[in-house]
Amino acid sequence: MEINDIFAKIFEPFGPTGTFSDDLYQEGIYSELGFTNIIISFFIVILYYFILNRPKLNSFKYWALFLLTNFIICFLIGILYPKGVFSRLELEYELLDYIFFGLKNALIASVFFIIWTYISKSKWFKSHCQGTPKLLFGKW
């Protein structure tokens, strides 16, 4: 099984949704955006928990701000990258197709952000923000 197949199953849980999804798969955009989501989410979690790492940031609102930042960055990438690839290939799609895919991409990136949060909150890593977010994870 190829990497693109694995990410296609993540992006399209109920199967392809038409020619837009087929073209995303054909061009390998699923795997490229999947790895991009993983990397961006990882770096934003590292930024929050280990680089900025201030006691002031140890609250749910700051964690949610970083999650929102991750969401917006991946949303824009989810719109602009496929649009650029498809315009080079002279494929035309509605703006709504790109927006829905961007939302799907951002939601998947948010899941990766939460996974990286779980990993960074493990007992092996120490951070001032380690107790955040309490609402989703409880006290470690």
Protein backbone atom coordinates (compact mmCIF):
# COMPACT_ATOMS: atom_id res chain seq x y z
CA MET A 1 0.00 0.00 0.00
CA GLU A 2 1.36 3.40 -0.97
CA ILE A 3 1.61 6.40 1.32
CA ASN A 4 -0.87 8.25 -0.89
CA ASP A 5 -3.39 5.42 -0.31
CA ILE A 6 -2.98 5.72 3.46
CA PHE A 7 -3.53 9.48 3.44
CA ALA A 8 -6.41 9.11 0.96
CA LYS A 9 -8.15 6.92 3.56
CA ILE A 10 -7.63 9.68 6.13
CA PHE A 11 -8.87 12.46 3.84
CA GLU A 12 -11.73 10.53 2.31
CA PRO A 13 -13.23 8.29 5.03
CA PHE A 14 -16.40 7.63 3.03
CA GLY A 15 -14.70 7.16 -0.32
CA PRO A 16 -13.82 9.60 -3.09
CA THR A 17 -16.29 12.40 -3.67
CA GLY A 18 -15.88 12.81 -7.42
CA THR A 19 -13.39 14.08 -9.94
CA PHE A 20 -11.89 16.59 -7.49
CA SER A 21 -10.89 13.76 -5.13
CA ASP A 22 -9.72 11.63 -8.03
CA ASP A 23 -7.43 14.42 -9.21
CA LEU A 24 -6.14 15.00 -5.68
CA TYR A 25 -5.28 11.31 -5.51
CA GLN A 26 -3.77 11.18 -9.02
CA GLU A 27 -1.43 14.09 -8.29
CA GLY A 28 -0.34 12.71 -4.89
CA ILE A 29 -1.69 15.74 -3.06
CA TYR A 30 -3.12 13.63 -0.23
CA SER A 31 0.30 12.41 0.87
CA GLU A 32 1.97 15.79 0.42
CA LEU A 33 -0.67 17.58 2.49
CA GLY A 34 -0.76 14.75 5.04
CA PHE A 35 2.96 15.08 5.72
CA THR A 36 2.65 18.86 5.69
CA ASN A 37 -0.11 18.69 8.32
CA ILE A 38 1.96 16.40 10.51
CA ILE A 39 5.01 18.66 10.30
CA ILE A 40 3.18 21.97 10.80
CA SER A 41 1.22 20.57 13.75
CA PHE A 42 4.43 19.20 15.27
CA PHE A 43 6.24 22.52 15.03
CA ILE A 44 3.35 24.51 16.47
CA VAL A 45 3.12 22.10 19.44
CA ILE A 46 6.90 22.37 19.92
CA LEU A 47 6.59 26.16 19.76
CA TYR A 48 3.86 26.18 22.40
CA TYR A 49 5.22 23.58 24.84
CA PHE A 50 8.98 23.98 24.53
CA ILE A 51 10.08 27.20 22.79
CA LEU A 52 7.69 29.79 24.20
CA ASN A 53 7.18 27.67 27.35
CA ARG A 54 6.02 30.40 29.74
CA PRO A 55 3.87 29.87 32.85
CA LYS A 56 1.57 32.63 31.53
CA LEU A 57 0.69 30.42 28.54
CA ASN A 58 -0.48 27.57 30.78
CA SER A 59 -4.19 28.06 30.10
CA PHE A 60 -6.77 26.64 27.76
CA LYS A 61 -7.25 29.92 25.88
CA TYR A 62 -3.59 30.06 24.80
CA TRP A 63 -3.60 26.41 23.82
CA ALA A 64 -6.78 27.02 21.80
CA LEU A 65 -5.09 30.02 20.15
CA PHE A 66 -2.25 27.79 18.98
CA LEU A 67 -4.76 25.18 17.79
CA LEU A 68 -6.60 27.91 15.86
CA THR A 69 -3.32 29.10 14.35
CA ASN A 70 -2.61 25.55 13.21
CA PHE A 71 -6.14 25.31 11.80
CA ILE A 72 -5.85 28.56 9.82
CA ILE A 73 -2.41 27.78 8.39
CA CYS A 74 -3.48 24.30 7.26
CA PHE A 75 -6.80 25.64 5.95
CA LEU A 76 -4.99 28.11 3.70
CA ILE A 77 -2.49 25.49 2.55
CA GLY A 78 -5.39 23.10 1.86
CA ILE A 79 -6.89 25.68 -0.49
CA LEU A 80 -3.84 27.24 -2.11
CA TYR A 81 -1.68 24.18 -2.77
CA PRO A 82 -4.26 22.11 -4.72
CA LYS A 83 -5.41 25.26 -6.53
CA GLY A 84 -1.83 25.93 -7.66
CA VAL A 85 -1.29 22.34 -8.79
CA PHE A 86 -4.59 22.19 -10.64
CA SER A 87 -4.10 25.56 -12.32
CA ARG A 88 -0.73 24.36 -13.69
CA LEU A 89 -2.53 21.30 -15.03
CA GLU A 90 -5.31 23.54 -16.39
CA LEU A 91 -7.99 21.80 -14.33
CA GLU A 92 -10.93 23.98 -13.31
CA TYR A 93 -12.90 23.47 -10.11
CA GLU A 94 -15.34 25.54 -8.12
CA LEU A 95 -14.04 27.64 -5.24
CA LEU A 96 -16.37 25.71 -2.94
CA ASP A 97 -14.49 22.47 -3.74
CA TYR A 98 -11.27 24.09 -2.57
CA ILE A 99 -12.89 25.57 0.54
CA PHE A 100 -14.42 22.24 1.59
CA PHE A 101 -11.13 20.49 1.03
CA GLY A 102 -9.31 23.22 2.97
CA LEU A 103 -11.70 22.70 5.89
CA LYS A 104 -11.17 18.96 5.75
CA ASN A 105 -7.40 19.51 5.65
CA ALA A 106 -7.56 21.88 8.63
CA LEU A 107 -9.67 19.45 10.67
CA ILE A 108 -7.20 16.64 10.00
CA ALA A 109 -4.33 18.95 10.99
CA SER A 110 -6.20 19.71 14.22
CA VAL A 111 -6.34 15.99 14.99
CA PHE A 112 -2.59 15.77 14.39
CA PHE A 113 -2.14 18.79 16.70
CA ILE A 114 -4.05 17.00 19.46
CA ILE A 115 -2.02 13.82 18.92
CA TRP A 116 1.24 15.79 19.18
CA THR A 117 -0.16 17.48 22.30
CA TYR A 118 -0.71 14.06 23.90
CA ILE A 119 2.83 13.03 23.03
CA SER A 120 4.41 16.26 24.29
CA LYS A 121 2.46 16.06 27.56
CA SER A 122 4.00 12.70 28.42
CA LYS A 123 5.88 12.28 31.67
CA TRP A 124 9.23 12.28 29.86
CA PHE A 125 9.01 15.92 28.77
CA LYS A 126 8.84 18.83 31.19
CA SER A 127 7.21 22.13 30.28
CA HIS A 128 5.47 25.02 32.04
CA CYS A 129 2.46 24.36 29.82
CA GLN A 130 2.34 20.65 30.52
CA GLY A 131 -0.99 20.89 32.33
CA THR A 132 -2.78 22.45 29.36
CA PRO A 133 -5.44 21.71 28.19
CA LYS A 134 -7.09 20.23 31.25
CA LEU A 135 -10.55 20.08 29.68
CA LEU A 136 -9.52 17.62 26.99
CA PHE A 137 -6.92 15.54 28.73
CA GLY A 138 -7.41 15.81 32.46
CA LYS A 139 -4.55 16.12 34.86
CA TRP A 140 -1.47 14.06 34.09
